[in-house]
Amino acid sequence: MMRTTDETLTKPLESLPARVRHWSGGMGLHGVMTVLSLAMILPFAWMVLTSLKTLAEAADPAWLPHTAQWGNYPEVFRVIPFLRFAANSLVVAGWVTLLQVFTSALAAYSFARLDWPGRDRVFFIYLGTMMLPGLVMLIPNYEIMVKLGLVDSYLGLVLPAAFSAFGTFLLRQFMLGIPRALDEAAEIDGASKWQIFWTVIMPLSRPGLVTLAIFTLMGNYHSFFWPLVMMRTVDKYTLPVGLLFFDSEHGQATHLLMAAVTMSVVPLIVLFVLLQRQFIRGIQIGAVKG
C-alpha cells in the first residue's frame, strides 16, 4: 500500500492529462507575455498621461494629472508647424515605400524565378549588405547626395532608401513558394517575363508586399538620422527632426512635447490596426515558406 502511494506521489508531470499540462504551460507563457506587454505599454501610457498635464505637473513623478489638459494638443499646432512636419514624413515615407516595394519585388523576381549565371552568388553578396550598420553608409550616401546637389531636398531623402536587401530577401521567400507551373502555363499562353511578373507573381505575393510596405512605412516615417543630416530648411523637416527642433526651442514644455509625440504615433497605430490581419498573415506565410 505504501509503495503504491509513493509511486503515485512521485509520478512525473508527463503522466498528467494533456489538457492540464497544456493549461499549466499556457499560464506560464501568458504570464511572461503579460509582463513583457506591460513593459512595452507603460512608457506609452506615461507619455499620454504626461501630455495631459500642466507645465508644473509634467515635472511631478505622479502618473495621473489632477485635471486632464486637453488644450495641450491644439497648443502644439500653435507653437510649431506640426501638420507640415507630419505631411513631410508621410510624403517621404510614402514614396520610399512605393519605390522600395517595387524595386524589391523586381529584384526578388529575378533571384527567385529567373536563371542567370552567378545568380545565387550575387544574391548572397547583396544579402551581405544587411550586415552593414546604417551609420556606416551615412557618410558615403551624404557625399553622393552632395555631388548630385540633392541636399535639403525630398529626393535626397528618398533615393538612398529606394532599395532594400531585406525587402528583396523577404519577397524572394514568398516567390519561391509559388509553383513554377504557373510561369510555364503563362509562357505557353505567350506571356513575357514582365507580364508573368506583373499579372501572376505580384498578385500572389500580396501578403509579402503588404508586410514589406508596413515595415518600410513605419521605419521611414520615424527615420531620424538621415533627415537630420540632409535637411536645412525648417519647413522641410520630417516629424522626428521637427520634434527635436521643438525640444530645442521649447525644452521646458515637456507636456507639449509629449502631446506632439503622442500625435505623431497615432497614424501608425491606426494603420497597423487596419492592416494587422494581412501583416500577421504575411509573417506566417513567409515563415512557412522560408
Protein backbone atom coordinates (compact mmCIF):
# COMPACT_ATOMS: atom_id res chain seq x y z
CA MET A 1 0.00 0.00 0.00
CA MET A 2 2.82 2.40 0.94
CA ARG A 3 4.64 1.56 -2.27
CA THR A 4 1.60 2.36 -4.36
CA THR A 5 1.18 5.66 -2.56
CA ASP A 6 4.83 6.62 -3.10
CA GLU A 7 4.61 5.79 -6.79
CA THR A 8 1.50 7.93 -7.09
CA LEU A 9 3.14 10.91 -5.36
CA THR A 10 6.31 10.69 -7.43
CA LYS A 11 4.52 10.27 -10.74
CA PRO A 12 6.17 12.62 -13.25
CA LEU A 13 4.42 15.60 -14.78
CA GLU A 14 4.12 13.79 -18.11
CA SER A 15 1.53 11.46 -16.58
CA LEU A 16 -0.90 14.34 -16.00
CA PRO A 17 -3.73 14.72 -18.51
CA ALA A 18 -2.73 16.58 -21.67
CA ARG A 19 -5.32 19.29 -21.01
CA VAL A 20 -3.84 20.02 -17.55
CA ARG A 21 -0.28 20.15 -18.88
CA HIS A 22 -1.38 22.42 -21.73
CA TRP A 23 -3.19 24.71 -19.27
CA SER A 24 -0.23 24.95 -16.87
CA GLY A 25 2.21 25.63 -19.71
CA GLY A 26 -0.16 28.18 -21.21
CA MET A 27 -0.48 30.02 -17.90
CA GLY A 28 3.28 30.39 -17.63
CA LEU A 29 3.57 31.62 -21.20
CA HIS A 30 0.72 34.07 -20.74
CA GLY A 31 2.31 35.36 -17.55
CA VAL A 32 5.60 36.07 -19.32
CA MET A 33 3.82 37.72 -22.25
CA THR A 34 1.78 39.87 -19.86
CA VAL A 35 4.92 41.15 -18.14
CA LEU A 36 6.57 41.91 -21.49
CA SER A 37 3.42 43.64 -22.73
CA LEU A 38 3.34 45.85 -19.65
CA ALA A 39 6.99 46.75 -20.21
CA MET A 40 6.02 47.99 -23.68
CA ILE A 41 2.75 49.68 -22.70
CA LEU A 42 3.89 51.57 -19.59
CA PRO A 43 6.16 54.07 -21.43
CA PHE A 44 3.36 54.78 -23.90
CA ALA A 45 0.87 55.26 -21.06
CA TRP A 46 3.29 57.62 -19.28
CA MET A 47 3.67 59.64 -22.50
CA VAL A 48 -0.10 60.01 -22.97
CA LEU A 49 -0.70 60.91 -19.31
CA THR A 50 2.13 63.47 -19.32
CA SER A 51 0.64 65.08 -22.41
CA LEU A 52 -2.48 65.82 -20.34
CA LYS A 53 -0.63 67.56 -17.51
CA THR A 54 0.16 71.21 -16.90
CA LEU A 55 3.71 72.52 -17.19
CA ALA A 56 4.19 72.29 -13.42
CA GLU A 57 2.71 68.78 -13.19
CA ALA A 58 4.95 67.49 -16.00
CA ALA A 59 7.91 67.59 -13.60
CA ASP A 60 5.91 65.73 -10.93
CA PRO A 61 6.67 61.97 -10.72
CA ALA A 62 2.97 61.29 -10.11
CA TRP A 63 1.41 59.50 -13.06
CA LEU A 64 -2.11 60.94 -13.14
CA PRO A 65 -2.79 64.62 -13.83
CA HIS A 66 -5.10 66.46 -11.45
CA THR A 67 -7.19 67.68 -14.38
CA ALA A 68 -6.77 66.49 -17.97
CA GLN A 69 -5.42 69.36 -20.06
CA TRP A 70 -6.84 68.53 -23.49
CA GLY A 71 -5.90 72.02 -24.60
CA ASN A 72 -2.26 70.89 -24.82
CA TYR A 73 -2.96 69.25 -28.17
CA PRO A 74 -4.23 72.32 -30.06
CA GLU A 75 -1.45 74.31 -28.37
CA VAL A 76 1.11 72.15 -30.21
CA PHE A 77 -0.24 73.35 -33.56
CA ARG A 78 0.18 76.95 -32.42
CA VAL A 79 3.77 76.51 -31.24
CA ILE A 80 5.20 74.53 -34.19
CA PRO A 81 4.07 73.67 -37.76
CA PHE A 82 3.17 70.14 -36.67
CA LEU A 83 0.96 69.36 -39.68
CA ARG A 84 3.75 70.44 -42.02
CA PHE A 85 6.23 68.15 -40.30
CA ALA A 86 3.75 65.26 -40.36
CA ALA A 87 2.99 65.82 -44.04
CA ASN A 88 6.71 65.82 -44.86
CA SER A 89 7.15 62.50 -43.05
CA LEU A 90 4.15 60.93 -44.78
CA VAL A 91 5.25 62.10 -48.24
CA VAL A 92 8.83 60.88 -47.81
CA ALA A 93 7.80 57.58 -46.18
CA GLY A 94 5.11 57.04 -48.82
CA TRP A 95 7.48 57.49 -51.75
CA VAL A 96 10.16 55.34 -50.11
CA THR A 97 7.59 52.61 -49.50
CA LEU A 98 6.35 52.62 -53.11
CA LEU A 99 9.84 52.59 -54.59
CA GLN A 100 11.25 50.06 -52.14
CA VAL A 101 8.39 47.61 -52.57
CA PHE A 102 8.64 47.86 -56.37
CA THR A 103 12.44 47.55 -56.60
CA SER A 104 12.49 44.75 -54.03
CA ALA A 105 9.81 42.87 -55.95
CA LEU A 106 11.77 43.21 -59.21
CA ALA A 107 15.00 42.01 -57.59
CA ALA A 108 13.21 39.18 -55.77
CA TYR A 109 11.58 38.03 -59.02
CA SER A 110 14.97 37.90 -60.70
CA PHE A 111 16.58 35.97 -57.84
CA ALA A 112 13.65 33.57 -57.34
CA ARG A 113 12.23 32.92 -60.83
CA LEU A 114 14.91 33.67 -63.43
CA ASP A 115 18.00 31.60 -64.19
CA TRP A 116 21.19 33.51 -64.97
CA PRO A 117 24.91 32.89 -64.32
CA GLY A 118 26.08 33.73 -60.81
CA ARG A 119 22.57 34.42 -59.56
CA ASP A 120 22.98 32.79 -56.14
CA ARG A 121 26.40 34.36 -55.54
CA VAL A 122 25.10 37.81 -56.37
CA PHE A 123 22.14 37.24 -54.07
CA PHE A 124 24.32 36.29 -51.10
CA ILE A 125 26.62 39.26 -51.72
CA TYR A 126 23.57 41.53 -51.87
CA LEU A 127 22.23 39.90 -48.72
CA GLY A 128 25.56 40.58 -47.03
CA THR A 129 24.90 44.32 -47.21
CA MET A 130 22.34 43.78 -44.45
CA MET A 131 25.28 43.28 -42.09
CA LEU A 132 26.41 46.90 -42.61
CA PRO A 133 25.07 49.29 -39.95
CA GLY A 134 23.09 52.19 -41.32
CA LEU A 135 25.50 54.71 -39.80
CA VAL A 136 28.36 53.20 -41.83
CA MET A 137 26.56 54.16 -45.05
CA LEU A 138 25.58 57.61 -43.79
CA ILE A 139 28.71 59.49 -44.91
CA PRO A 140 29.02 57.80 -48.37
CA ASN A 141 25.35 58.45 -49.08
CA TYR A 142 25.69 62.05 -47.95
CA GLU A 143 28.72 62.60 -50.20
CA ILE A 144 26.78 61.23 -53.16
CA MET A 145 23.81 63.49 -52.43
CA VAL A 146 26.16 66.49 -52.16
CA LYS A 147 27.66 65.73 -55.58
CA LEU A 148 24.16 65.34 -57.05
CA GLY A 149 23.03 68.60 -55.46
CA LEU A 150 20.21 66.90 -53.56
CA VAL A 151 20.99 68.11 -50.03
CA ASP A 152 17.96 69.75 -48.38
CA SER A 153 15.57 68.10 -50.85
CA TYR A 154 12.92 65.41 -50.55
CA LEU A 155 14.50 63.49 -53.43
CA GLY A 156 17.73 63.30 -51.44
CA LEU A 157 15.83 61.65 -48.59
CA VAL A 158 14.06 59.15 -50.82
CA LEU A 159 16.74 57.88 -53.23
CA PRO A 160 19.12 56.12 -50.78
CA ALA A 161 16.19 54.26 -49.21
CA ALA A 162 14.63 53.15 -52.50
CA PHE A 163 16.43 49.78 -52.44
CA SER A 164 16.41 47.16 -49.69
CA ALA A 165 18.27 43.88 -49.28
CA PHE A 166 15.84 42.87 -46.53
CA GLY A 167 12.84 43.58 -48.77
CA THR A 168 14.39 41.54 -51.57
CA PHE A 169 15.03 38.64 -49.21
CA LEU A 170 11.50 38.76 -47.78
CA LEU A 171 9.76 38.80 -51.17
CA ARG A 172 12.11 36.18 -52.61
CA GLN A 173 10.95 33.78 -49.90
CA PHE A 174 7.34 34.34 -50.96
CA MET A 175 8.09 33.93 -54.64
CA LEU A 176 9.99 30.69 -54.10
CA GLY A 177 6.77 29.20 -52.72
CA ILE A 178 4.78 29.99 -55.87
CA PRO A 179 4.54 26.93 -58.18
CA ARG A 180 6.67 27.29 -61.31
CA ALA A 181 3.91 25.61 -63.26
CA LEU A 182 2.13 28.96 -63.25
CA ASP A 183 5.09 30.58 -65.05
CA GLU A 184 5.19 27.76 -67.58
CA ALA A 185 1.45 27.99 -68.23
CA ALA A 186 1.73 31.74 -68.75
CA GLU A 187 4.67 31.28 -71.15
CA ILE A 188 2.65 28.77 -73.17
CA ASP A 189 -0.05 31.43 -73.47
CA GLY A 190 2.56 33.81 -74.88
CA ALA A 191 3.17 35.96 -71.80
CA SER A 192 6.50 37.76 -71.50
CA LYS A 193 8.65 37.75 -68.35
CA TRP A 194 7.29 41.19 -67.46
CA GLN A 195 3.70 40.05 -67.91
CA ILE A 196 4.33 36.98 -65.75
CA PHE A 197 5.84 39.19 -63.05
CA TRP A 198 3.04 41.75 -63.13
CA THR A 199 -0.04 39.55 -63.64
CA VAL A 200 0.94 36.27 -61.95
CA ILE A 201 3.69 36.74 -59.37
CA MET A 202 2.75 40.12 -57.94
CA PRO A 203 -0.89 39.26 -57.10
CA LEU A 204 0.17 36.00 -55.44
CA SER A 205 2.82 37.85 -53.41
CA ARG A 206 0.35 40.33 -51.96
CA PRO A 207 0.78 39.24 -48.30
CA GLY A 208 4.52 39.73 -48.60
CA LEU A 209 4.10 43.07 -50.35
CA VAL A 210 1.79 44.33 -47.59
CA THR A 211 4.16 43.13 -44.88
CA LEU A 212 7.14 44.84 -46.51
CA ALA A 213 5.10 48.01 -47.07
CA ILE A 214 4.18 48.20 -43.37
CA PHE A 215 7.78 47.62 -42.26
CA THR A 216 9.07 50.23 -44.70
CA LEU A 217 6.44 52.85 -43.93
CA MET A 218 6.92 52.55 -40.18
CA GLY A 219 10.70 52.62 -40.42
CA ASN A 220 10.87 55.67 -42.69
CA TYR A 221 8.07 57.60 -41.01
CA HIS A 222 10.19 57.67 -37.85
CA SER A 223 13.55 57.97 -39.62
CA PHE A 224 15.74 60.45 -37.75
CA PHE A 225 19.47 60.49 -38.56
CA TRP A 226 19.24 60.74 -42.35
CA PRO A 227 16.71 63.62 -42.40
CA LEU A 228 18.70 65.33 -39.62
CA VAL A 229 21.85 65.23 -41.76
CA MET A 230 20.15 66.15 -45.03
CA MET A 231 17.65 68.87 -44.19
CA ARG A 232 18.47 72.54 -43.60
CA THR A 233 15.11 74.28 -44.05
CA VAL A 234 12.70 74.09 -41.11
CA ASP A 235 9.65 73.77 -43.39
CA LYS A 236 11.20 70.62 -44.90
CA TYR A 237 11.82 68.89 -41.58
CA THR A 238 10.27 65.47 -41.11
CA LEU A 239 8.40 64.78 -37.89
CA PRO A 240 11.26 63.33 -35.79
CA VAL A 241 13.56 66.21 -36.74
CA GLY A 242 10.71 68.65 -36.18
CA LEU A 243 10.20 67.27 -32.67
CA LEU A 244 13.92 67.77 -31.99
CA PHE A 245 13.53 71.35 -33.22
CA PHE A 246 10.55 71.76 -30.89
CA ASP A 247 12.55 70.40 -27.95
CA SER A 248 15.43 72.79 -28.67
CA GLU A 249 13.08 75.78 -28.88
CA HIS A 250 10.73 74.83 -26.03
CA GLY A 251 12.75 72.38 -23.95
CA GLN A 252 10.88 73.11 -20.74
CA ALA A 253 7.44 72.37 -22.22
CA THR A 254 7.57 68.63 -21.58
CA HIS A 255 3.78 68.36 -21.56
CA LEU A 256 3.54 69.85 -25.07
CA LEU A 257 6.40 67.69 -26.33
CA MET A 258 4.62 64.56 -25.10
CA ALA A 259 1.41 65.74 -26.77
CA ALA A 260 3.29 66.17 -30.06
CA VAL A 261 4.92 62.73 -29.75
CA THR A 262 1.55 61.14 -28.96
CA MET A 263 0.01 62.65 -32.09
CA SER A 264 2.99 61.52 -34.16
CA VAL A 265 2.40 57.83 -33.40
CA VAL A 266 -1.37 57.87 -33.94
CA PRO A 267 -1.24 57.43 -37.77
CA LEU A 268 0.95 54.32 -37.47
CA ILE A 269 -1.25 52.80 -34.76
CA VAL A 270 -4.33 53.31 -36.94
CA LEU A 271 -2.52 51.85 -39.96
CA PHE A 272 -1.41 48.76 -38.05
CA VAL A 273 -4.90 48.18 -36.63
CA LEU A 274 -6.39 48.34 -40.13
CA LEU A 275 -3.78 46.04 -41.70
CA GLN A 276 -2.84 43.76 -38.81
CA ARG A 277 -4.54 40.68 -40.29
CA GLN A 278 -2.65 40.95 -43.57
CA PHE A 279 0.55 41.79 -41.70
CA ILE A 280 0.31 38.72 -39.45
CA ARG A 281 -0.70 36.53 -42.40
CA GLY A 282 2.29 37.77 -44.34
CA ILE A 283 4.68 36.97 -41.49
CA GLN A 284 3.18 33.49 -41.06
CA ILE A 285 3.33 32.63 -44.76
CA GLY A 286 6.88 33.96 -45.03
CA ALA A 287 7.98 31.87 -42.06
CA VAL A 288 6.45 28.71 -43.53
CA LYS A 289 7.89 29.30 -47.00
CA GLY A 290 11.25 30.35 -45.60
